């Protein structure tokens, strides 16, 4: 797994339109990287567009123990 760069405003890449996800299996590695990035940030959610992957995907963890 890898920590991804999180884009912040005013980065113009954040304005790109996200496309629908068509195959969940194909994005499993991205999901794992996004979760690792979110925990490192730290945060409770992260959208794929924030890591320069413009698909309609968000990861969230609202648990008390980040599990």
N, C-alpha and C. Protein backbone atom coordinates (compact mmCIF):
# COMPACT_ATOMS: atom_id res chain seq x y z
N UNK A 1 0.84 -1.19 0.00
CA UNK A 1 0.00 0.00 0.00
C UNK A 1 0.88 1.25 0.00
N UNK A 2 0.29 2.34 -0.41
CA UNK A 2 1.06 3.58 -0.54
C UNK A 2 0.26 4.77 -0.04
N UNK A 3 1.00 5.73 0.49
CA UNK A 3 0.40 7.01 0.87
C UNK A 3 0.33 7.86 -0.39
N UNK A 4 -0.83 8.39 -0.68
CA UNK A 4 -1.04 9.20 -1.88
C UNK A 4 -0.98 10.68 -1.54
N UNK A 5 -0.62 11.49 -2.52
CA UNK A 5 -0.62 12.95 -2.34
C UNK A 5 -2.06 13.44 -2.31
N UNK A 6 -2.39 14.25 -1.32
CA UNK A 6 -3.73 14.84 -1.23
C UNK A 6 -3.68 16.23 -1.83
N UNK A 7 -4.52 16.44 -2.84
CA UNK A 7 -4.61 17.75 -3.48
C UNK A 7 -5.39 18.71 -2.59
N UNK A 8 -4.98 19.97 -2.61
CA UNK A 8 -5.69 21.00 -1.85
C UNK A 8 -5.99 22.18 -2.76
N UNK A 9 -6.99 22.96 -2.38
CA UNK A 9 -7.33 24.16 -3.15
C UNK A 9 -6.16 25.13 -3.12
N UNK A 10 -5.87 25.80 -4.17
CA UNK A 10 -6.63 25.99 -5.40
C UNK A 10 -6.20 25.08 -6.55
N UNK A 11 -5.73 23.88 -6.29
CA UNK A 11 -5.26 22.98 -7.35
C UNK A 11 -6.38 22.77 -8.38
N UNK A 12 -6.12 23.10 -9.65
CA UNK A 12 -7.17 23.00 -10.68
C UNK A 12 -7.61 21.56 -10.95
N UNK A 13 -6.82 20.57 -10.57
CA UNK A 13 -7.22 19.17 -10.79
C UNK A 13 -8.44 18.81 -9.96
N UNK A 14 -8.70 19.55 -8.89
CA UNK A 14 -9.87 19.29 -8.07
C UNK A 14 -11.17 19.66 -8.79
N UNK A 15 -11.08 20.38 -9.88
CA UNK A 15 -12.27 20.80 -10.64
C UNK A 15 -12.67 19.78 -11.71
N UNK A 16 -11.86 18.75 -11.91
CA UNK A 16 -12.17 17.74 -12.93
C UNK A 16 -13.41 16.96 -12.51
N UNK A 17 -14.24 16.63 -13.49
CA UNK A 17 -15.46 15.86 -13.23
C UNK A 17 -15.09 14.39 -13.01
N UNK A 18 -15.63 13.81 -11.95
CA UNK A 18 -15.39 12.40 -11.65
C UNK A 18 -16.34 11.53 -12.46
N UNK A 19 -15.84 10.41 -12.95
CA UNK A 19 -16.66 9.49 -13.74
C UNK A 19 -17.13 8.32 -12.85
N UNK A 20 -18.22 7.69 -13.24
CA UNK A 20 -18.74 6.56 -12.44
C UNK A 20 -17.75 5.39 -12.41
N UNK A 21 -17.82 4.62 -11.35
CA UNK A 21 -17.03 3.40 -11.22
C UNK A 21 -17.78 2.30 -11.96
N UNK A 22 -17.06 1.54 -12.79
CA UNK A 22 -17.70 0.47 -13.55
C UNK A 22 -17.29 -0.92 -13.06
N UNK A 23 -16.09 -1.04 -12.51
CA UNK A 23 -15.62 -2.33 -12.00
C UNK A 23 -15.00 -2.15 -10.63
N UNK A 24 -15.65 -2.67 -9.61
CA UNK A 24 -15.17 -2.50 -8.25
C UNK A 24 -13.86 -3.27 -8.03
N UNK A 25 -13.75 -4.48 -8.57
CA UNK A 25 -12.53 -5.28 -8.38
C UNK A 25 -11.28 -4.55 -8.87
N UNK A 26 -11.41 -3.80 -9.94
CA UNK A 26 -10.26 -3.11 -10.53
C UNK A 26 -9.74 -1.97 -9.66
N UNK A 27 -10.56 -1.46 -8.74
CA UNK A 27 -10.12 -0.32 -7.93
C UNK A 27 -9.77 -0.71 -6.50
N UNK A 28 -9.78 -1.99 -6.18
CA UNK A 28 -9.47 -2.42 -4.81
C UNK A 28 -8.12 -1.90 -4.32
N UNK A 29 -7.04 -1.96 -5.13
CA UNK A 29 -5.76 -1.39 -4.66
C UNK A 29 -5.85 0.10 -4.36
N UNK A 30 -6.61 0.85 -5.16
CA UNK A 30 -6.80 2.28 -4.91
C UNK A 30 -7.54 2.48 -3.60
N UNK A 31 -8.56 1.67 -3.33
CA UNK A 31 -9.30 1.79 -2.08
C UNK A 31 -8.37 1.60 -0.89
N UNK A 32 -7.53 0.59 -0.94
CA UNK A 32 -6.58 0.33 0.14
C UNK A 32 -5.60 1.49 0.33
N UNK A 33 -5.09 2.03 -0.78
CA UNK A 33 -4.17 3.19 -0.71
C UNK A 33 -4.89 4.41 -0.14
N UNK A 34 -6.14 4.61 -0.54
CA UNK A 34 -6.90 5.76 -0.04
C UNK A 34 -7.15 5.63 1.46
N UNK A 35 -7.47 4.43 1.93
CA UNK A 35 -7.67 4.24 3.37
C UNK A 35 -6.39 4.53 4.13
N UNK A 36 -5.27 4.03 3.65
CA UNK A 36 -4.00 4.29 4.32
C UNK A 36 -3.69 5.78 4.34
N UNK A 37 -3.95 6.45 3.23
CA UNK A 37 -3.72 7.90 3.13
C UNK A 37 -4.63 8.65 4.09
N UNK A 38 -5.90 8.25 4.16
CA UNK A 38 -6.86 8.91 5.05
C UNK A 38 -6.43 8.78 6.51
N UNK A 39 -6.01 7.59 6.92
CA UNK A 39 -5.58 7.39 8.31
C UNK A 39 -4.31 8.19 8.61
N UNK A 40 -3.41 8.31 7.65
CA UNK A 40 -2.16 9.04 7.85
C UNK A 40 -2.42 10.54 7.94
N UNK A 41 -3.47 11.04 7.27
CA UNK A 41 -3.69 12.48 7.13
C UNK A 41 -3.84 13.26 8.44
N UNK A 42 -4.53 12.96 9.44
CA UNK A 42 -5.60 11.97 9.64
C UNK A 42 -6.93 12.55 9.22
N UNK A 43 -7.87 11.67 8.95
CA UNK A 43 -9.19 12.13 8.56
C UNK A 43 -10.22 11.05 8.74
N UNK A 44 -11.47 11.39 8.43
CA UNK A 44 -12.54 10.40 8.52
C UNK A 44 -13.09 10.05 7.14
N UNK A 45 -12.65 10.75 6.12
CA UNK A 45 -13.12 10.48 4.77
C UNK A 45 -12.17 11.06 3.74
N UNK A 46 -12.20 10.46 2.55
CA UNK A 46 -11.33 10.92 1.46
C UNK A 46 -11.99 10.55 0.14
N UNK A 47 -12.08 11.52 -0.75
CA UNK A 47 -12.64 11.29 -2.08
C UNK A 47 -11.51 11.02 -3.07
N UNK A 48 -11.79 10.19 -4.05
CA UNK A 48 -10.77 9.84 -5.04
C UNK A 48 -10.25 11.09 -5.76
N UNK A 49 -11.10 12.06 -5.99
CA UNK A 49 -10.65 13.29 -6.67
C UNK A 49 -9.59 14.02 -5.87
N UNK A 50 -9.61 13.85 -4.54
CA UNK A 50 -8.61 14.50 -3.69
C UNK A 50 -7.22 13.89 -3.85
N UNK A 51 -7.15 12.68 -4.42
CA UNK A 51 -5.86 12.05 -4.66
C UNK A 51 -5.62 11.90 -6.16
N UNK A 52 -6.24 12.79 -6.94
CA UNK A 52 -6.05 12.91 -8.39
C UNK A 52 -6.47 11.66 -9.15
N UNK A 53 -7.49 10.97 -8.65
CA UNK A 53 -8.12 9.85 -9.36
C UNK A 53 -9.57 10.26 -9.51
N UNK A 54 -9.96 10.61 -10.69
CA UNK A 54 -11.25 11.27 -10.90
C UNK A 54 -12.36 10.27 -11.24
N UNK A 55 -12.69 9.47 -10.20
CA UNK A 55 -13.80 8.54 -10.26
C UNK A 55 -14.69 8.80 -9.04
N UNK A 56 -15.94 8.37 -9.13
CA UNK A 56 -16.91 8.61 -8.05
C UNK A 56 -16.70 7.58 -6.94
N UNK A 57 -15.73 7.85 -6.09
CA UNK A 57 -15.36 6.94 -5.00
C UNK A 57 -15.00 7.75 -3.78
N UNK A 58 -15.49 7.31 -2.63
CA UNK A 58 -15.12 7.92 -1.37
C UNK A 58 -14.91 6.80 -0.35
N UNK A 59 -13.92 6.97 0.52
CA UNK A 59 -13.73 6.05 1.64
C UNK A 59 -14.00 6.83 2.92
N UNK A 60 -14.60 6.14 3.90
CA UNK A 60 -14.92 6.78 5.17
C UNK A 60 -14.73 5.78 6.30
N UNK A 61 -14.38 6.30 7.46
CA UNK A 61 -14.32 5.48 8.67
C UNK A 61 -14.79 6.34 9.83
N UNK A 62 -15.99 6.06 10.31
CA UNK A 62 -16.57 6.83 11.40
C UNK A 62 -16.45 6.09 12.73
N UNK A 63 -15.72 4.97 12.74
CA UNK A 63 -15.59 4.18 13.96
C UNK A 63 -14.71 4.91 14.99
N UNK A 64 -14.89 4.56 16.25
CA UNK A 64 -14.10 5.18 17.32
C UNK A 64 -12.63 4.80 17.24
N UNK A 65 -12.37 3.57 16.85
CA UNK A 65 -11.00 3.04 16.90
C UNK A 65 -10.34 2.92 15.54
N UNK A 66 -10.90 3.55 14.53
CA UNK A 66 -10.33 3.51 13.17
C UNK A 66 -10.14 2.07 12.70
N UNK A 67 -11.20 1.27 12.86
CA UNK A 67 -11.12 -0.13 12.47
C UNK A 67 -12.22 -0.51 11.49
